[in-house]
C-alpha atoms as a PDB file:
ATOM      1  CA  MET A   1     149.168  48.476 -22.953  1.00  0.00           C
ATOM      2  CA  SER A   2     150.675  46.242 -25.615  1.00  0.00           C
ATOM      3  CA  GLU A   3     153.023  48.998 -26.783  1.00  0.00           C
ATOM      4  CA  PRO A   4     155.120  49.130 -23.553  1.00  0.00           C
ATOM      5  CA  ASN A   5     155.293  45.320 -23.444  1.00  0.00           C
ATOM      6  CA  ALA A   6     156.466  45.231 -27.036  1.00  0.00           C
ATOM      7  CA  ARG A   7     159.347  47.563 -26.204  1.00  0.00           C
ATOM      8  CA  ARG A   8     160.488  45.438 -23.262  1.00  0.00           C
ATOM      9  CA  ARG A   9     160.431  42.196 -25.244  1.00  0.00           C
ATOM     10  CA  PRO A  10     163.798  41.151 -26.660  1.00  0.00           C
ATOM     11  CA  SER A  11     163.921  41.001 -30.420  1.00  0.00           C
ATOM     12  CA  ARG A  12     163.432  37.692 -32.184  1.00  0.00           C
ATOM     13  CA  THR A  13     167.114  37.808 -33.133  1.00  0.00           C
ATOM     14  CA  ALA A  14     168.130  38.275 -29.487  1.00  0.00           C
ATOM     15  CA  ARG A  15     165.950  35.351 -28.414  1.00  0.00           C
ATOM     16  CA  ARG A  16     167.448  33.135 -31.103  1.00  0.00           C
ATOM     17  CA  ALA A  17     170.951  34.179 -30.111  1.00  0.00           C
ATOM     18  CA  SER A  18     170.254  33.320 -26.465  1.00  0.00           C
ATOM     19  CA  GLY A  19     168.854  29.941 -27.433  1.00  0.00           C
ATOM     20  CA  ALA A  20     171.849  29.291 -29.631  1.00  0.00           C
ATOM     21  CA  GLY A  21     174.165  30.108 -26.714  1.00  0.00           C
ATOM     22  CA  VAL A  22     172.600  27.477 -24.470  1.00  0.00           C
ATOM     23  CA  LEU A  23     172.713  24.967 -27.281  1.00  0.00           C
ATOM     24  CA  ALA A  24     176.364  25.699 -27.919  1.00  0.00           C
ATOM     25  CA  VAL A  25     177.266  25.213 -24.255  1.00  0.00           C
ATOM     26  CA  VAL A  26     175.285  21.970 -23.933  1.00  0.00           C
ATOM     27  CA  CYS A  27     176.721  20.623 -27.204  1.00  0.00           C
ATOM     28  CA  LEU A  28     180.251  21.584 -26.169  1.00  0.00           C
ATOM     29  CA  MET A  29     179.875  19.797 -22.844  1.00  0.00           C
ATOM     30  CA  LEU A  30     178.446  16.709 -24.508  1.00  0.00           C
ATOM     31  CA  GLN A  31     181.110  16.559 -27.214  1.00  0.00           C
ATOM     32  CA  SER A  32     184.056  17.314 -24.937  1.00  0.00           C
ATOM     33  CA  GLY A  33     183.069  14.716 -22.392  1.00  0.00           C
ATOM     34  CA  GLY A  34     182.265  17.417 -19.835  1.00  0.00           C
ATOM     35  CA  PHE A  35     179.900  14.978 -18.215  1.00  0.00           C
ATOM     36  CA  SER A  36     181.022  11.585 -17.016  1.00  0.00           C
ATOM     37  CA  PRO A  37     178.905   8.988 -18.848  1.00  0.00           C
ATOM     38  CA  VAL A  38     180.212   5.921 -17.035  1.00  0.00           C
ATOM     39  CA  LEU A  39     178.361   5.235 -13.817  1.00  0.00           C
ATOM     40  CA  ALA A  40     178.839   2.031 -11.892  1.00  0.00           C
ATOM     41  CA  ALA A  41     176.063   1.651  -9.356  1.00  0.00           C
ATOM     42  CA  PRO A  42     172.623   2.923  -8.352  1.00  0.00           C
ATOM     43  CA  GLY A  43     174.374   5.080  -5.755  1.00  0.00           C
ATOM     44  CA  ASP A  44     176.149   6.849  -8.594  1.00  0.00           C
ATOM     45  CA  ALA A  45     175.563  10.391  -7.401  1.00  0.00           C
ATOM     46  CA  LYS A  46     178.002  12.964  -8.696  1.00  0.00           C
ATOM     47  CA  PRO A  47     178.865  16.271  -7.039  1.00  0.00           C
ATOM     48  CA  TYR A  48     177.305  18.170  -9.952  1.00  0.00           C
ATOM     49  CA  ASP A  49     173.994  16.254 -10.005  1.00  0.00           C
ATOM     50  CA  ASP A  50     171.913  19.113  -8.591  1.00  0.00           C
ATOM     51  CA  LYS A  51     173.084  21.383 -11.390  1.00  0.00           C
ATOM     52  CA  LEU A  52     172.579  18.662 -13.967  1.00  0.00           C
ATOM     53  CA  MET A  53     169.012  18.046 -12.781  1.00  0.00           C
ATOM     54  CA  ARG A  54     168.325  21.776 -12.883  1.00  0.00           C
ATOM     55  CA  LEU A  55     169.662  21.912 -16.444  1.00  0.00           C
ATOM     56  CA  ALA A  56     167.288  19.080 -17.414  1.00  0.00           C
ATOM     57  CA  GLU A  57     164.401  20.962 -15.787  1.00  0.00           C
ATOM     58  CA  ILE A  58     165.328  24.116 -17.694  1.00  0.00           C
ATOM     59  CA  LEU A  59     165.417  22.185 -20.964  1.00  0.00           C
ATOM     60  CA  GLY A  60     161.871  20.936 -20.269  1.00  0.00           C
ATOM     61  CA  ALA A  61     160.561  24.394 -19.410  1.00  0.00           C
ATOM     62  CA  VAL A  62     162.200  25.983 -22.439  1.00  0.00           C
ATOM     63  CA  HIS A  63     160.875  23.214 -24.684  1.00  0.00           C
ATOM     64  CA  TYR A  64     157.317  23.982 -23.584  1.00  0.00           C
ATOM     65  CA  LEU A  65     157.575  27.771 -23.486  1.00  0.00           C
ATOM     66  CA  ARG A  66     159.314  28.200 -26.845  1.00  0.00           C
ATOM     67  CA  GLU A  67     156.739  25.934 -28.471  1.00  0.00           C
ATOM     68  CA  LEU A  68     153.954  27.943 -26.826  1.00  0.00           C
ATOM     69  CA  CYS A  69     155.492  31.188 -28.072  1.00  0.00           C
ATOM     70  CA  SER A  70     155.776  29.898 -31.659  1.00  0.00           C
ATOM     71  CA  ALA A  71     159.558  29.712 -31.784  1.00  0.00           C
ATOM     72  CA  ASN A  72     159.341  26.915 -34.369  1.00  0.00           C
ATOM     73  CA  ASP A  73     162.109  24.937 -32.667  1.00  0.00           C
ATOM     74  CA  GLY A  74     160.292  21.656 -33.246  1.00  0.00           C
ATOM     75  CA  GLN A  75     161.861  18.966 -31.081  1.00  0.00           C
ATOM     76  CA  LEU A  76     165.178  20.790 -30.692  1.00  0.00           C
ATOM     77  CA  TRP A  77     165.096  21.029 -26.887  1.00  0.00           C
ATOM     78  CA  ARG A  78     163.845  17.467 -26.507  1.00  0.00           C
ATOM     79  CA  GLU A  79     166.728  16.327 -28.729  1.00  0.00           C
ATOM     80  CA  LYS A  80     169.186  18.215 -26.523  1.00  0.00           C
ATOM     81  CA  MET A  81     167.689  16.412 -23.544  1.00  0.00           C
ATOM     82  CA  LYS A  82     168.147  13.107 -25.359  1.00  0.00           C
ATOM     83  CA  GLU A  83     171.822  13.968 -25.898  1.00  0.00           C
ATOM     84  CA  LEU A  84     172.112  14.733 -22.195  1.00  0.00           C
ATOM     85  CA  LEU A  85     170.509  11.383 -21.358  1.00  0.00           C
ATOM     86  CA  ASP A  86     172.791   9.550 -23.756  1.00  0.00           C
ATOM     87  CA  THR A  87     175.835  11.150 -22.153  1.00  0.00           C
ATOM     88  CA  GLU A  88     174.862  11.311 -18.478  1.00  0.00           C
ATOM     89  CA  GLY A  89     172.195   8.648 -18.086  1.00  0.00           C
ATOM     90  CA  GLY A  90     174.545   5.756 -17.393  1.00  0.00           C
ATOM     91  CA  THR A  91     172.053   3.850 -15.260  1.00  0.00           C
ATOM     92  CA  ALA A  92     168.298   3.443 -15.382  1.00  0.00           C
ATOM     93  CA  ILE A  93     167.978   5.381 -12.129  1.00  0.00           C
ATOM     94  CA  ARG A  94     169.994   8.290 -13.469  1.00  0.00           C
ATOM     95  CA  ARG A  95     168.004   8.328 -16.721  1.00  0.00           C
ATOM     96  CA  ALA A  96     164.781   8.318 -14.714  1.00  0.00           C
ATOM     97  CA  ARG A  97     165.941  11.209 -12.531  1.00  0.00           C
ATOM     98  CA  LEU A  98     166.988  13.290 -15.536  1.00  0.00           C
ATOM     99  CA  THR A  99     163.751  12.501 -17.361  1.00  0.00           C
ATOM    100  CA  ARG A 100     161.707  13.370 -14.274  1.00  0.00           C
ATOM    101  CA  SER A 101     163.473  16.746 -14.066  1.00  0.00           C
ATOM    102  CA  PHE A 102     162.814  17.505 -17.743  1.00  0.00           C
ATOM    103  CA  ASN A 103     159.149  16.526 -17.403  1.00  0.00           C
ATOM    104  CA  GLN A 104     158.780  18.529 -14.208  1.00  0.00           C
ATOM    105  CA  GLY A 105     160.010  21.660 -15.984  1.00  0.00           C
ATOM    106  CA  TYR A 106     157.711  21.030 -18.953  1.00  0.00           C
ATOM    107  CA  ARG A 107     154.601  20.252 -16.889  1.00  0.00           C
ATOM    108  CA  SER A 108     155.122  23.060 -14.426  1.00  0.00           C
ATOM    109  CA  TYR A 109     155.002  25.675 -17.152  1.00  0.00           C
ATOM    110  CA  ARG A 110     152.249  23.907 -19.051  1.00  0.00           C
ATOM    111  CA  ARG A 111     150.091  24.371 -15.948  1.00  0.00           C
ATOM    112  CA  THR A 112     151.123  28.015 -15.618  1.00  0.00           C
ATOM    113  CA  TYR A 113     150.895  29.302 -19.194  1.00  0.00           C
ATOM    114  CA  VAL A 114     148.274  28.504 -21.816  1.00  0.00           C
ATOM    115  CA  THR A 115     149.155  31.441 -24.063  1.00  0.00           C
ATOM    116  CA  CYS A 116     152.389  33.221 -24.805  1.00  0.00           C
ATOM    117  CA  THR A 117     152.571  36.304 -22.618  1.00  0.00           C
ATOM    118  CA  PRO A 118     155.323  38.826 -21.937  1.00  0.00           C
ATOM    119  CA  THR A 119     155.948  36.985 -18.672  1.00  0.00           C
ATOM    120  CA  ALA A 120     156.347  33.690 -20.547  1.00  0.00           C
ATOM    121  CA  GLN A 121     158.824  35.389 -22.886  1.00  0.00           C
ATOM    122  CA  SER A 122     160.696  36.746 -19.889  1.00  0.00           C
ATOM    123  CA  SER A 123     160.792  33.267 -18.355  1.00  0.00           C
ATOM    124  CA  ILE A 124     162.368  31.896 -21.525  1.00  0.00           C
ATOM    125  CA  GLU A 125     165.102  34.526 -21.389  1.00  0.00           C
ATOM    126  CA  ARG A 126     165.779  33.847 -17.691  1.00  0.00           C
ATOM    127  CA  PHE A 127     165.948  30.094 -18.277  1.00  0.00           C
ATOM    128  CA  LEU A 128     168.309  30.473 -21.210  1.00  0.00           C
ATOM    129  CA  ALA A 129     170.600  32.707 -19.148  1.00  0.00           C
ATOM    130  CA  GLU A 130     170.518  30.277 -16.218  1.00  0.00           C
ATOM    131  CA  GLY A 131     171.172  27.338 -18.547  1.00  0.00           C
ATOM    132  CA  ILE A 132     174.228  29.091 -19.947  1.00  0.00           C
ATOM    133  CA  GLN A 133     175.475  29.816 -16.421  1.00  0.00           C
ATOM    134  CA  ILE A 134     175.010  26.190 -15.353  1.00  0.00           C
ATOM    135  CA  GLY A 135     176.588  24.921 -18.546  1.00  0.00           C
ATOM    136  CA  ASP A 136     179.601  27.193 -18.136  1.00  0.00           C
ATOM    137  CA  GLY A 137     180.038  25.981 -14.560  1.00  0.00           C
ATOM    138  CA  LEU A 138     179.820  22.341 -15.565  1.00  0.00           C
ATOM    139  CA  ALA A 139     182.167  22.821 -18.514  1.00  0.00           C
ATOM    140  CA  ALA A 140     184.705  24.512 -16.215  1.00  0.00           C
ATOM    141  CA  ARG A 141     184.717  21.366 -14.067  1.00  0.00           C
ATOM    142  CA  SER A 142     185.640  19.208 -17.067  1.00  0.00           C
ATOM    143  CA  PRO A 143     189.049  17.583 -17.004  1.00  0.00           C
END
């Protein structure tokens, strides 16, 4: 039973490459000003907020799952979330919404997985792919 699962699991190198891709996209968006950090009022909703909140949720889920699966990332994903907050969290309300999304992703998978399983590994890969897709879409919107 473990033999077929082992064949379906991406290699450690492939997982690292996927993680690096998401990081590169998030870092590029943060450094290029792909997100608008200046927000004037509590009603500061942006057209891309749903995608931004989903990206924060993905960062939380990946932070938990990669730690669970012994990826040895340390606080890497939490630090990426902090960069996102520093760039996009212009108001206390926005910071709270982003933080809530990150925590929701983390807690949701903490309730679901207590050990690293092939399904948990698959979830990581799906989240990384979705994060890259969201990041590419947000970066394309950049001026």
